[in-house]
Amino acid sequence: GRKAGETVAIATKIPDEYTEPELRGKDAGVEIVIHDVKRLVLPEVNAEFLENFSCQSEEELRTLIQNEAEADIDLTIRARMREQIDGYLLKNTRLEIPAGISARQTERAVALHMIEKLQQGVPEAEITKEIDSLRTSAAEEVTQALRLEFLMERIAEDRDIHVSEEEVNGVISDIDRRRGMRFDRVRDELMKSDRISTLYIRLRNEKIRDALLENAKISD
């Protein structure tokens, strides 16, 4: 019911997963300026439209969309379960991080966030801004990430969990698809910035979490 040129004020609450820990859970006010109003016009489901999705019929397209939606839900649920695994490990394991921890280890924890954002298709300029904020105001989050990393290292050793080159290349292919870049260019960028090792760690940690979930008692 709003028109172009109007300003809308909304009261909201900052989510618990916000990048700056000191702001999480706090009340916030958001002002939105409406520049223009657009309406969605659905295309005609004809042969040309179906061909764009490599489908032969409308029923086949509906099945494809449903399968993709269900896959997205499964991925979201899996991600939340992995987060619960992390929380359990941190809560139930005593591990003090030395005060003089090296800058390289800190950068590794920060780089994990970069890989996550790249996989989500976030522009690198936005990622850089977030990392700068992380370095200056999210010391606690970095410490927790380092604690978790040491725990993951130990579990990987105990369970002999590794990641193959094919698994790494599979994720790089997903990144280049989202960013519209060639595989070799994305891989070269990751190697130059020493993010290949970070990607390996991320994939290894996911395998560790999934291995722990196999023996977990799961309830809805």
C-alpha atoms as a PDB file:
ATOM      1  CA  GLY A   1       0.000   0.000   0.000  1.00  0.00           C
ATOM      2  CA  ARG A   2       3.006   2.342  -0.027  1.00  0.00           C
ATOM      3  CA  LYS A   3       4.036   4.661  -2.832  1.00  0.00           C
ATOM      4  CA  ALA A   4       7.324   5.772  -4.354  1.00  0.00           C
ATOM      5  CA  GLY A   5       8.914   8.608  -2.369  1.00  0.00           C
ATOM      6  CA  GLU A   6       7.527   7.484   0.995  1.00  0.00           C
ATOM      7  CA  THR A   7       9.675   6.558   4.004  1.00  0.00           C
ATOM      8  CA  VAL A   8       8.734   3.585   6.185  1.00  0.00           C
ATOM      9  CA  ALA A   9      10.001   3.217   9.783  1.00  0.00           C
ATOM     10  CA  ILE A  10      10.220  -0.308  11.209  1.00  0.00           C
ATOM     11  CA  ALA A  11      11.047  -1.465  14.738  1.00  0.00           C
ATOM     12  CA  THR A  12      12.993  -4.708  14.779  1.00  0.00           C
ATOM     13  CA  LYS A  13      15.487  -6.757  16.795  1.00  0.00           C
ATOM     14  CA  ILE A  14      19.051  -7.473  15.692  1.00  0.00           C
ATOM     15  CA  PRO A  15      19.443 -11.257  15.103  1.00  0.00           C
ATOM     16  CA  ASP A  16      21.587 -13.421  17.367  1.00  0.00           C
ATOM     17  CA  GLU A  17      23.909 -14.373  14.486  1.00  0.00           C
ATOM     18  CA  TYR A  18      24.782 -10.729  13.649  1.00  0.00           C
ATOM     19  CA  THR A  19      28.499 -10.188  12.906  1.00  0.00           C
ATOM     20  CA  GLU A  20      29.030  -7.701  15.772  1.00  0.00           C
ATOM     21  CA  PRO A  21      28.446  -9.561  19.079  1.00  0.00           C
ATOM     22  CA  GLU A  22      27.788  -6.440  21.163  1.00  0.00           C
ATOM     23  CA  LEU A  23      24.736  -5.595  19.022  1.00  0.00           C
ATOM     24  CA  ARG A  24      23.108  -9.033  19.022  1.00  0.00           C
ATOM     25  CA  GLY A  25      19.592  -9.204  20.437  1.00  0.00           C
ATOM     26  CA  LYS A  26      19.251  -5.430  20.790  1.00  0.00           C
ATOM     27  CA  ASP A  27      16.278  -3.401  19.575  1.00  0.00           C
ATOM     28  CA  ALA A  28      16.861  -1.390  16.421  1.00  0.00           C
ATOM     29  CA  GLY A  29      15.019   1.065  14.203  1.00  0.00           C
ATOM     30  CA  VAL A  30      15.169   0.810  10.427  1.00  0.00           C
ATOM     31  CA  GLU A  31      14.083   3.470   7.954  1.00  0.00           C
ATOM     32  CA  ILE A  32      13.380   2.420   4.371  1.00  0.00           C
ATOM     33  CA  VAL A  33      13.025   4.945   1.550  1.00  0.00           C
ATOM     34  CA  ILE A  34      10.879   3.671  -1.332  1.00  0.00           C
ATOM     35  CA  HIS A  35      12.394   4.851  -4.608  1.00  0.00           C
ATOM     36  CA  ASP A  36      10.041   2.975  -6.911  1.00  0.00           C
ATOM     37  CA  VAL A  37       7.478   0.188  -6.846  1.00  0.00           C
ATOM     38  CA  LYS A  38       7.777  -2.830  -9.124  1.00  0.00           C
ATOM     39  CA  ARG A  39       5.326  -5.626  -9.655  1.00  0.00           C
ATOM     40  CA  LEU A  40       6.123  -9.208 -10.528  1.00  0.00           C
ATOM     41  CA  VAL A  41       4.737 -10.312 -13.882  1.00  0.00           C
ATOM     42  CA  LEU A  42       4.719 -14.082 -14.254  1.00  0.00           C
ATOM     43  CA  PRO A  43       5.906 -15.352 -17.649  1.00  0.00           C
ATOM     44  CA  GLU A  44       3.828 -17.676 -19.763  1.00  0.00           C
ATOM     45  CA  VAL A  45       4.755 -21.316 -19.223  1.00  0.00           C
ATOM     46  CA  ASN A  46       5.321 -22.248 -22.853  1.00  0.00           C
ATOM     47  CA  ALA A  47       7.853 -24.392 -24.714  1.00  0.00           C
ATOM     48  CA  GLU A  48      10.470 -21.613 -24.771  1.00  0.00           C
ATOM     49  CA  PHE A  49      10.139 -21.045 -21.011  1.00  0.00           C
ATOM     50  CA  LEU A  50      10.407 -24.768 -20.239  1.00  0.00           C
ATOM     51  CA  GLU A  51      13.474 -25.069 -22.456  1.00  0.00           C
ATOM     52  CA  ASN A  52      15.328 -22.560 -20.240  1.00  0.00           C
ATOM     53  CA  PHE A  53      15.095 -25.144 -17.429  1.00  0.00           C
ATOM     54  CA  SER A  54      15.748 -28.143 -19.706  1.00  0.00           C
ATOM     55  CA  CYS A  55      12.238 -29.431 -18.974  1.00  0.00           C
ATOM     56  CA  GLN A  56       9.789 -31.045 -21.372  1.00  0.00           C
ATOM     57  CA  SER A  57       6.575 -30.278 -19.476  1.00  0.00           C
ATOM     58  CA  GLU A  58       5.134 -28.070 -16.752  1.00  0.00           C
ATOM     59  CA  GLU A  59       4.836 -31.095 -14.483  1.00  0.00           C
ATOM     60  CA  GLU A  60       8.554 -31.828 -14.905  1.00  0.00           C
ATOM     61  CA  LEU A  61       9.355 -28.194 -14.040  1.00  0.00           C
ATOM     62  CA  ARG A  62       7.185 -28.307 -10.911  1.00  0.00           C
ATOM     63  CA  THR A  63       8.943 -31.495  -9.814  1.00  0.00           C
ATOM     64  CA  LEU A  64      12.345 -29.853 -10.397  1.00  0.00           C
ATOM     65  CA  ILE A  65      11.407 -26.787  -8.337  1.00  0.00           C
ATOM     66  CA  GLN A  66       9.993 -28.927  -5.528  1.00  0.00           C
ATOM     67  CA  ASN A  67      13.128 -31.072  -5.394  1.00  0.00           C
ATOM     68  CA  GLU A  68      15.358 -27.981  -5.245  1.00  0.00           C
ATOM     69  CA  ALA A  69      13.219 -26.427  -2.494  1.00  0.00           C
ATOM     70  CA  GLU A  70      13.351 -29.622  -0.432  1.00  0.00           C
ATOM     71  CA  ALA A  71      17.133 -29.805  -0.944  1.00  0.00           C
ATOM     72  CA  ASP A  72      17.484 -26.204   0.327  1.00  0.00           C
ATOM     73  CA  ILE A  73      15.441 -27.076   3.423  1.00  0.00           C
ATOM     74  CA  ASP A  74      17.617 -30.130   4.079  1.00  0.00           C
ATOM     75  CA  LEU A  75      20.771 -27.991   3.779  1.00  0.00           C
ATOM     76  CA  THR A  76      19.362 -25.421   6.204  1.00  0.00           C
ATOM     77  CA  ILE A  77      18.453 -28.092   8.745  1.00  0.00           C
ATOM     78  CA  ARG A  78      21.890 -29.695   8.372  1.00  0.00           C
ATOM     79  CA  ALA A  79      23.585 -26.327   8.927  1.00  0.00           C
ATOM     80  CA  ARG A  80      21.610 -25.741  12.147  1.00  0.00           C
ATOM     81  CA  MET A  81      22.507 -29.204  13.407  1.00  0.00           C
ATOM     82  CA  ARG A  82      26.183 -28.544  12.728  1.00  0.00           C
ATOM     83  CA  GLU A  83      25.910 -25.303  14.702  1.00  0.00           C
ATOM     84  CA  GLN A  84      24.506 -27.260  17.637  1.00  0.00           C
ATOM     85  CA  ILE A  85      27.481 -29.644  17.427  1.00  0.00           C
ATOM     86  CA  ASP A  86      29.841 -26.634  17.655  1.00  0.00           C
ATOM     87  CA  GLY A  87      27.949 -25.258  20.642  1.00  0.00           C
ATOM     88  CA  TYR A  88      28.088 -28.601  22.435  1.00  0.00           C
ATOM     89  CA  LEU A  89      31.845 -28.962  21.865  1.00  0.00           C
ATOM     90  CA  LEU A  90      32.577 -25.449  23.139  1.00  0.00           C
ATOM     91  CA  LYS A  91      30.303 -25.809  26.160  1.00  0.00           C
ATOM     92  CA  ASN A  92      31.555 -29.224  27.250  1.00  0.00           C
ATOM     93  CA  THR A  93      35.292 -28.891  26.576  1.00  0.00           C
ATOM     94  CA  ARG A  94      37.746 -26.848  28.619  1.00  0.00           C
ATOM     95  CA  LEU A  95      40.362 -25.205  26.439  1.00  0.00           C
ATOM     96  CA  GLU A  96      42.172 -21.965  27.204  1.00  0.00           C
ATOM     97  CA  ILE A  97      43.620 -19.975  24.294  1.00  0.00           C
ATOM     98  CA  PRO A  98      47.136 -18.623  25.088  1.00  0.00           C
ATOM     99  CA  ALA A  99      47.258 -14.838  25.425  1.00  0.00           C
ATOM    100  CA  GLY A 100      50.084 -14.643  22.905  1.00  0.00           C
ATOM    101  CA  ILE A 101      48.373 -16.605  20.179  1.00  0.00           C
ATOM    102  CA  SER A 102      49.948 -15.991  16.766  1.00  0.00           C
ATOM    103  CA  ALA A 103      48.543 -13.593  14.197  1.00  0.00           C
ATOM    104  CA  ARG A 104      48.539 -16.400  11.626  1.00  0.00           C
ATOM    105  CA  GLN A 105      46.089 -18.479  13.681  1.00  0.00           C
ATOM    106  CA  THR A 106      43.857 -15.433  14.110  1.00  0.00           C
ATOM    107  CA  GLU A 107      43.910 -14.809  10.354  1.00  0.00           C
ATOM    108  CA  ARG A 108      42.936 -18.436   9.734  1.00  0.00           C
ATOM    109  CA  ALA A 109      39.825 -18.039  11.867  1.00  0.00           C
ATOM    110  CA  VAL A 110      38.930 -14.848  10.003  1.00  0.00           C
ATOM    111  CA  ALA A 111      39.552 -16.548   6.643  1.00  0.00           C
ATOM    112  CA  LEU A 112      36.948 -19.189   7.475  1.00  0.00           C
ATOM    113  CA  HIS A 113      34.340 -16.424   7.422  1.00  0.00           C
ATOM    114  CA  MET A 114      35.612 -15.296   4.017  1.00  0.00           C
ATOM    115  CA  ILE A 115      35.173 -18.766   2.519  1.00  0.00           C
ATOM    116  CA  GLU A 116      31.624 -19.006   3.883  1.00  0.00           C
ATOM    117  CA  LYS A 117      30.683 -15.669   2.316  1.00  0.00           C
ATOM    118  CA  LEU A 118      32.308 -16.552  -1.022  1.00  0.00           C
ATOM    119  CA  GLN A 119      30.233 -19.730  -1.155  1.00  0.00           C
ATOM    120  CA  GLN A 120      27.123 -17.623  -0.542  1.00  0.00           C
ATOM    121  CA  GLY A 121      27.999 -15.369  -3.489  1.00  0.00           C
ATOM    122  CA  VAL A 122      28.717 -12.266  -1.373  1.00  0.00           C
ATOM    123  CA  PRO A 123      30.852  -9.646  -3.238  1.00  0.00           C
ATOM    124  CA  GLU A 124      34.453  -9.522  -2.055  1.00  0.00           C
ATOM    125  CA  ALA A 125      34.184  -5.802  -1.209  1.00  0.00           C
ATOM    126  CA  GLU A 126      31.435  -6.562   1.307  1.00  0.00           C
ATOM    127  CA  ILE A 127      33.442  -9.473   2.706  1.00  0.00           C
ATOM    128  CA  THR A 128      36.438  -7.187   3.289  1.00  0.00           C
ATOM    129  CA  LYS A 129      34.289  -4.726   5.210  1.00  0.00           C
ATOM    130  CA  GLU A 130      32.945  -7.501   7.418  1.00  0.00           C
ATOM    131  CA  ILE A 131      36.416  -8.886   8.110  1.00  0.00           C
ATOM    132  CA  ASP A 132      37.694  -5.463   9.162  1.00  0.00           C
ATOM    133  CA  SER A 133      34.789  -5.259  11.589  1.00  0.00           C
ATOM    134  CA  LEU A 134      35.530  -8.776  12.805  1.00  0.00           C
ATOM    135  CA  ARG A 135      39.155  -7.945  13.525  1.00  0.00           C
ATOM    136  CA  THR A 136      38.318  -4.847  15.548  1.00  0.00           C
ATOM    137  CA  SER A 137      35.114  -5.686  17.404  1.00  0.00           C
ATOM    138  CA  ALA A 138      34.607  -9.452  17.431  1.00  0.00           C
ATOM    139  CA  ALA A 139      37.573 -10.652  19.500  1.00  0.00           C
ATOM    140  CA  GLU A 140      35.349 -13.000  21.474  1.00  0.00           C
ATOM    141  CA  GLU A 141      33.995 -14.625  18.328  1.00  0.00           C
ATOM    142  CA  VAL A 142      37.517 -15.109  16.973  1.00  0.00           C
ATOM    143  CA  THR A 143      38.596 -16.708  20.255  1.00  0.00           C
ATOM    144  CA  GLN A 144      35.645 -19.103  20.134  1.00  0.00           C
ATOM    145  CA  ALA A 145      36.484 -19.932  16.529  1.00  0.00           C
ATOM    146  CA  LEU A 146      40.085 -20.683  17.502  1.00  0.00           C
ATOM    147  CA  ARG A 147      38.966 -22.859  20.406  1.00  0.00           C
ATOM    148  CA  LEU A 148      36.712 -24.754  18.029  1.00  0.00           C
ATOM    149  CA  GLU A 149      39.519 -25.089  15.493  1.00  0.00           C
ATOM    150  CA  PHE A 150      41.845 -26.698  18.055  1.00  0.00           C
ATOM    151  CA  LEU A 151      39.054 -29.093  19.014  1.00  0.00           C
ATOM    152  CA  MET A 152      38.434 -29.967  15.365  1.00  0.00           C
ATOM    153  CA  GLU A 153      42.151 -30.621  14.833  1.00  0.00           C
ATOM    154  CA  ARG A 154      42.134 -33.111  17.705  1.00  0.00           C
ATOM    155  CA  ILE A 155      38.964 -34.876  16.520  1.00  0.00           C
ATOM    156  CA  ALA A 156      40.321 -35.093  12.960  1.00  0.00           C
ATOM    157  CA  GLU A 157      43.464 -36.771  14.286  1.00  0.00           C
ATOM    158  CA  ASP A 158      41.556 -39.185  16.497  1.00  0.00           C
ATOM    159  CA  ARG A 159      39.104 -40.183  13.745  1.00  0.00           C
ATOM    160  CA  ASP A 160      41.542 -39.918  10.812  1.00  0.00           C
ATOM    161  CA  ILE A 161      39.260 -37.555   8.879  1.00  0.00           C
ATOM    162  CA  HIS A 162      40.645 -35.989   5.689  1.00  0.00           C
ATOM    163  CA  VAL A 163      39.381 -34.155   2.584  1.00  0.00           C
ATOM    164  CA  SER A 164      40.224 -35.233  -0.972  1.00  0.00           C
ATOM    165  CA  GLU A 165      41.303 -32.913  -3.789  1.00  0.00           C
ATOM    166  CA  GLU A 166      38.105 -33.838  -5.653  1.00  0.00           C
ATOM    167  CA  GLU A 167      36.010 -32.549  -2.739  1.00  0.00           C
ATOM    168  CA  VAL A 168      37.941 -29.259  -2.704  1.00  0.00           C
ATOM    169  CA  ASN A 169      37.525 -28.848  -6.478  1.00  0.00           C
ATOM    170  CA  GLY A 170      33.795 -29.501  -6.141  1.00  0.00           C
ATOM    171  CA  VAL A 171      33.395 -26.506  -3.814  1.00  0.00           C
ATOM    172  CA  ILE A 172      35.563 -24.321  -6.071  1.00  0.00           C
ATOM    173  CA  SER A 173      33.262 -25.228  -8.984  1.00  0.00           C
ATOM    174  CA  ASP A 174      30.281 -24.106  -6.916  1.00  0.00           C
ATOM    175  CA  ILE A 175      31.994 -20.785  -6.102  1.00  0.00           C
ATOM    176  CA  ASP A 176      32.892 -20.077  -9.755  1.00  0.00           C
ATOM    177  CA  ARG A 177      29.294 -20.845 -10.797  1.00  0.00           C
ATOM    178  CA  ARG A 178      27.904 -18.377  -8.269  1.00  0.00           C
ATOM    179  CA  ARG A 179      30.425 -15.663  -9.144  1.00  0.00           C
ATOM    180  CA  GLY A 180      30.298 -16.221 -12.909  1.00  0.00           C
ATOM    181  CA  MET A 181      34.056 -16.882 -13.147  1.00  0.00           C
ATOM    182  CA  ARG A 182      36.182 -19.652 -14.643  1.00  0.00           C
ATOM    183  CA  PHE A 183      37.254 -22.532 -12.402  1.00  0.00           C
ATOM    184  CA  ASP A 184      40.979 -21.969 -12.940  1.00  0.00           C
ATOM    185  CA  ARG A 185      40.702 -18.254 -12.142  1.00  0.00           C
ATOM    186  CA  VAL A 186      38.849 -18.892  -8.875  1.00  0.00           C
ATOM    187  CA  ARG A 187      41.334 -21.585  -7.891  1.00  0.00           C
ATOM    188  CA  ASP A 188      44.299 -19.281  -8.685  1.00  0.00           C
ATOM    189  CA  GLU A 189      42.775 -16.514  -6.537  1.00  0.00           C
ATOM    190  CA  LEU A 190      42.311 -18.890  -3.614  1.00  0.00           C
ATOM    191  CA  MET A 191      45.872 -20.204  -3.942  1.00  0.00           C
ATOM    192  CA  LYS A 192      47.422 -16.719  -4.132  1.00  0.00           C
ATOM    193  CA  SER A 193      45.641 -15.610  -0.967  1.00  0.00           C
ATOM    194  CA  ASP A 194      46.371 -18.923   0.818  1.00  0.00           C
ATOM    195  CA  ARG A 195      42.646 -19.679   1.079  1.00  0.00           C
ATOM    196  CA  ILE A 196      42.901 -23.188  -0.363  1.00  0.00           C
ATOM    197  CA  SER A 197      44.108 -24.450   3.015  1.00  0.00           C
ATOM    198  CA  THR A 198      41.253 -22.592   4.676  1.00  0.00           C
ATOM    199  CA  LEU A 199      38.763 -24.213   2.306  1.00  0.00           C
ATOM    200  CA  TYR A 200      40.261 -27.609   3.166  1.00  0.00           C
ATOM    201  CA  ILE A 201      39.780 -26.903   6.875  1.00  0.00           C
ATOM    202  CA  ARG A 202      36.169 -25.832   6.335  1.00  0.00           C
ATOM    203  CA  LEU A 203      35.353 -29.020   4.433  1.00  0.00           C
ATOM    204  CA  ARG A 204      37.185 -31.154   6.992  1.00  0.00           C
ATOM    205  CA  ASN A 205      35.232 -29.539   9.841  1.00  0.00           C
ATOM    206  CA  GLU A 206      31.954 -30.218   8.042  1.00  0.00           C
ATOM    207  CA  LYS A 207      32.939 -33.888   7.712  1.00  0.00           C
ATOM    208  CA  ILE A 208      33.786 -33.986  11.420  1.00  0.00           C
ATOM    209  CA  ARG A 209      30.405 -32.494  12.366  1.00  0.00           C
ATOM    210  CA  ASP A 210      28.582 -34.945  10.103  1.00  0.00           C
ATOM    211  CA  ALA A 211      30.537 -37.845  11.617  1.00  0.00           C
ATOM    212  CA  LEU A 212      29.506 -36.710  15.117  1.00  0.00           C
ATOM    213  CA  LEU A 213      25.888 -36.333  13.980  1.00  0.00           C
ATOM    214  CA  GLU A 214      25.828 -39.970  12.884  1.00  0.00           C
ATOM    215  CA  ASN A 215      26.062 -40.972  16.543  1.00  0.00           C
ATOM    216  CA  ALA A 216      23.924 -38.148  17.910  1.00  0.00           C
ATOM    217  CA  LYS A 217      20.453 -38.504  19.341  1.00  0.00           C
ATOM    218  CA  ILE A 218      18.327 -36.225  17.146  1.00  0.00           C
ATOM    219  CA  SER A 219      14.865 -34.935  18.034  1.00  0.00           C
ATOM    220  CA  ASP A 220      12.528 -32.620  16.067  1.00  0.00           C
END
